[in-house]
Amino acid sequence: MRFMPDLLDDDVIERALTDLAWKREGWALRRTVTRNDFADAIKFVNRVAELAEEADHHPDISISWKTVELTLSTHSAGGITQLDLDLAGRIDRLG
């Protein structure tokens, strides 16, 4: 049986966001990343994919030319959990 993470309360999320390049939108975290060009955006997405696979936690990703939109939410829990904050921090370290 897979571990079911707990939803985080608003105070925990807001404190964590002070150290992250993400913003809260409802029950999810969102970040927009602009790269030099389309190829660089794809390279970034591939690096995010590697982190997501390692964490077994996957963001929603949208690519438009050189802009990458990332959304993190733990769908099975119905909102933001520590899994989202942890992956957000790892993605932030990619640049």
Foldseek 3Di string as FASTA:
>chain_A
DDDDFAADDPVVVVVLCVVFQWDDDPQKIKHKDFDPWQVVQVVLVVVLVVLCVVLVADWDWDDDTRMIMTIHADVVNPGDGVSRSVSRVVSRVVD
